[in-house]
Amino acid sequence: MRHMFLGAALLGAGATLAGPALACSPALNAEAATVKGEGCSVRHLRTPVGAAGLMPAEALRLGYVVQVHYEGDACYVRESQVVVDCAEGSAFLFGPRGAMTVDEHMAAMDGAYGRMAEMIREMPRSYADMAALDDLDDLRLVQLGSVQAPVVLGEAGESYDLSCACGLFNPGRAGAGQ
């Protein structure tokens, strides 16, 4: 499971999560910036602290791709799995409701959220398939619609090109855009 990648993404390059004493000591960002990375990843640095972004895309079976959307700082994190059906060009996201401390995030990864994230990676499912599951507990499930235009994600309202991952792994499909 992905327990530790999120802390480094929120704290910055080279940063590490230490024990409880430093668990809520965010590093200051010198300026707001958007940094694009490999695998359709993108990171929006906020001032004075925090970040939001998409982790590198993962190809799933049957023409689906997934990216983890995150936002927060060293004190809290909000994370969702963004699943794109490249054949249809549509996306949905699921994740825990609201912001969590790092400890709460790790517990969610060990609970229903982590199980659902593993399930998506083992056998991709559509929004309708996910919505039909009745054990979503405290997870939110949101249909995002078409990925032909940038999609707004997160509390800060940043927009993201979700067609990038389809273009990377499934070019020529509806979700890959133009």
Protein backbone atom coordinates (compact mmCIF):
# COMPACT_ATOMS: atom_id res chain seq x y z
CA MET A 1 0.00 0.00 0.00
CA ARG A 2 0.95 3.61 -0.43
CA HIS A 3 1.33 4.81 3.12
CA MET A 4 4.32 7.11 2.86
CA PHE A 5 4.32 8.65 -0.62
CA LEU A 6 1.76 11.26 0.31
CA GLY A 7 3.80 12.85 3.08
CA ALA A 8 6.73 13.48 0.76
CA ALA A 9 4.39 14.86 -1.92
CA LEU A 10 2.88 17.36 0.50
CA LEU A 11 6.09 18.34 2.30
CA GLY A 12 8.24 18.73 -0.78
CA ALA A 13 11.19 17.09 -2.44
CA GLY A 14 13.62 15.55 -0.04
CA ALA A 15 11.29 16.02 2.94
CA THR A 16 10.49 13.16 5.26
CA LEU A 17 7.87 12.51 7.84
CA ALA A 18 9.40 12.17 11.28
CA GLY A 19 7.79 11.02 14.50
CA PRO A 20 4.80 12.62 16.20
CA ALA A 21 6.72 15.72 17.32
CA LEU A 22 7.19 16.82 13.70
CA ALA A 23 3.94 15.40 12.35
CA CYS A 24 2.40 18.87 11.98
CA SER A 25 5.32 21.11 11.06
CA PRO A 26 4.74 22.09 7.43
CA ALA A 27 7.63 23.47 5.42
CA LEU A 28 7.03 26.90 3.91
CA ASN A 29 6.76 27.22 0.14
CA ALA A 30 8.73 30.18 -1.22
CA GLU A 31 6.18 30.76 -3.97
CA ALA A 32 3.10 29.28 -5.56
CA ALA A 33 4.01 27.16 -8.56
CA THR A 34 2.75 24.36 -10.76
CA VAL A 35 5.21 21.59 -11.52
CA LYS A 36 4.47 18.90 -14.12
CA GLY A 37 6.16 15.54 -13.71
CA GLU A 38 6.43 12.14 -15.30
CA GLY A 39 3.43 9.94 -15.94
CA CYS A 40 0.96 12.85 -16.14
CA SER A 41 1.71 13.89 -12.57
CA VAL A 42 1.27 17.52 -11.58
CA ARG A 43 1.86 19.38 -8.33
CA HIS A 44 0.42 22.77 -7.37
CA LEU A 45 2.46 24.35 -4.57
CA ARG A 46 0.50 26.77 -2.41
CA THR A 47 1.78 29.65 -0.32
CA PRO A 48 2.58 29.79 2.45
CA VAL A 49 2.14 26.00 2.89
CA GLY A 50 0.58 23.01 1.25
CA ALA A 51 0.24 21.33 -2.10
CA ALA A 52 -2.32 19.65 -4.31
CA GLY A 53 -1.79 17.41 -7.27
CA LEU A 54 -2.01 14.14 -9.11
CA MET A 55 0.44 11.31 -8.59
CA PRO A 56 1.77 9.49 -11.70
CA ALA A 57 -0.88 7.59 -13.65
CA GLU A 58 -1.19 3.82 -13.45
CA ALA A 59 -2.54 1.73 -16.31
CA LEU A 60 -5.21 -0.75 -15.30
CA ARG A 61 -6.79 -3.51 -17.33
CA LEU A 62 -9.63 -3.01 -19.81
CA GLY A 63 -8.58 0.53 -20.80
CA TYR A 64 -8.89 2.13 -17.38
CA VAL A 65 -6.29 4.36 -15.72
CA VAL A 66 -6.05 5.63 -12.15
CA GLN A 67 -4.30 8.57 -10.50
CA VAL A 68 -4.23 9.57 -6.86
CA HIS A 69 -5.37 13.15 -6.25
CA TYR A 70 -4.03 14.66 -3.03
CA GLU A 71 -4.08 17.97 -1.21
CA GLY A 72 -3.02 19.20 2.18
CA ASP A 73 0.13 19.88 4.16
CA ALA A 74 1.99 18.16 6.98
CA CYS A 75 -1.03 18.64 9.30
CA TYR A 76 -3.79 17.15 7.16
CA VAL A 77 -4.32 15.28 3.93
CA ARG A 78 -7.24 14.74 1.61
CA GLU A 79 -6.83 11.95 -0.95
CA SER A 80 -8.97 10.40 -3.67
CA GLN A 81 -8.54 7.79 -6.38
CA VAL A 82 -9.43 9.21 -9.81
CA VAL A 83 -10.45 6.45 -12.22
CA VAL A 84 -10.79 7.18 -15.94
CA ASP A 85 -12.52 4.88 -18.42
CA CYS A 86 -10.49 5.71 -21.52
CA ALA A 87 -12.96 3.99 -23.87
CA GLU A 88 -15.83 6.22 -22.71
CA GLY A 89 -13.76 9.27 -21.80
CA SER A 90 -15.42 9.58 -18.40
CA ALA A 91 -14.09 9.62 -14.85
CA PHE A 92 -15.13 9.25 -11.23
CA LEU A 93 -13.35 9.58 -7.94
CA PHE A 94 -13.65 7.95 -4.57
CA GLY A 95 -11.94 8.59 -1.28
CA PRO A 96 -12.50 9.31 2.38
CA ARG A 97 -14.80 12.20 3.22
CA GLY A 98 -12.97 15.32 4.39
CA ALA A 99 -9.44 15.97 5.52
CA MET A 100 -7.53 13.60 7.78
CA THR A 101 -4.44 13.66 9.90
CA VAL A 102 -1.59 11.49 8.70
CA ASP A 103 -2.53 8.83 11.29
CA GLU A 104 -6.18 8.90 10.16
CA HIS A 105 -5.03 8.57 6.54
CA MET A 106 -2.97 5.51 7.37
CA ALA A 107 -5.97 3.98 9.18
CA ALA A 108 -8.17 4.68 6.13
CA MET A 109 -5.62 2.93 3.91
CA ASP A 110 -5.91 -0.10 6.20
CA GLY A 111 -9.73 0.11 6.09
CA ALA A 112 -12.45 0.36 3.47
CA TYR A 113 -10.65 3.01 1.40
CA GLY A 114 -7.54 0.87 1.03
CA ARG A 115 -9.60 -2.20 0.16
CA MET A 116 -11.51 -0.25 -2.52
CA ALA A 117 -8.26 1.14 -3.97
CA GLU A 118 -6.86 -2.40 -4.20
CA MET A 119 -10.10 -3.64 -5.75
CA ILE A 120 -9.89 -1.00 -8.49
CA ARG A 121 -6.34 -2.02 -9.31
CA GLU A 122 -7.20 -5.73 -9.40
CA MET A 123 -10.29 -5.36 -11.58
CA PRO A 124 -11.32 -1.95 -12.87
CA ARG A 125 -14.92 -1.00 -12.28
CA SER A 126 -17.18 1.67 -13.70
CA TYR A 127 -18.86 4.37 -11.66
CA ALA A 128 -22.10 2.37 -11.74
CA ASP A 129 -20.30 -0.73 -10.44
CA MET A 130 -18.73 1.25 -7.60
CA ALA A 131 -21.99 3.02 -6.74
CA ALA A 132 -23.74 -0.36 -6.48
CA LEU A 133 -21.42 -1.46 -3.69
CA ASP A 134 -23.19 -0.95 -0.38
CA ASP A 135 -20.15 -0.99 1.90
CA LEU A 136 -18.71 2.43 1.05
CA ASP A 137 -18.68 3.33 4.76
CA ASP A 138 -17.37 6.89 5.04
CA LEU A 139 -16.17 7.06 1.46
CA ARG A 140 -17.44 9.58 -1.02
CA LEU A 141 -18.05 8.62 -4.63
CA VAL A 142 -18.36 11.35 -7.26
CA GLN A 143 -19.02 11.02 -10.97
CA LEU A 144 -16.78 13.58 -12.70
CA GLY A 145 -18.15 13.17 -16.22
CA SER A 146 -16.18 13.77 -19.40
CA VAL A 147 -12.40 14.20 -19.39
CA GLN A 148 -12.45 16.03 -22.73
CA ALA A 149 -12.01 19.31 -20.83
CA PRO A 150 -10.02 19.98 -17.64
CA VAL A 151 -11.74 18.69 -14.50
CA VAL A 152 -11.81 20.64 -11.22
CA LEU A 153 -10.73 18.59 -8.19
CA GLY A 154 -10.28 19.36 -4.53
CA GLU A 155 -11.15 22.09 -2.10
CA ALA A 156 -8.86 24.65 -3.78
CA GLY A 157 -10.60 24.15 -7.13
CA GLU A 158 -7.50 23.34 -9.20
CA SER A 159 -8.20 21.99 -12.68
CA TYR A 160 -6.51 18.90 -14.09
CA ASP A 161 -6.17 17.30 -17.52
CA LEU A 162 -7.42 13.78 -16.80
CA SER A 163 -7.15 12.83 -20.49
CA CYS A 164 -3.34 12.87 -20.17
CA ALA A 165 -3.24 9.38 -18.64
CA CYS A 166 -5.46 7.95 -21.39
CA GLY A 167 -3.20 9.55 -23.98
CA LEU A 168 -0.21 7.97 -22.27
CA PHE A 169 -1.59 4.42 -21.91
CA ASN A 170 -4.56 4.24 -24.32
CA PRO A 171 -3.97 6.64 -27.22
CA GLY A 172 -6.72 6.80 -29.79
CA ARG A 173 -9.45 6.19 -27.23
CA ALA A 174 -12.19 8.76 -26.48
CA GLY A 175 -10.60 9.59 -23.13
CA ALA A 176 -7.26 10.49 -24.75
CA GLY A 177 -8.72 13.72 -26.12
CA GLN A 178 -7.35 15.38 -29.22
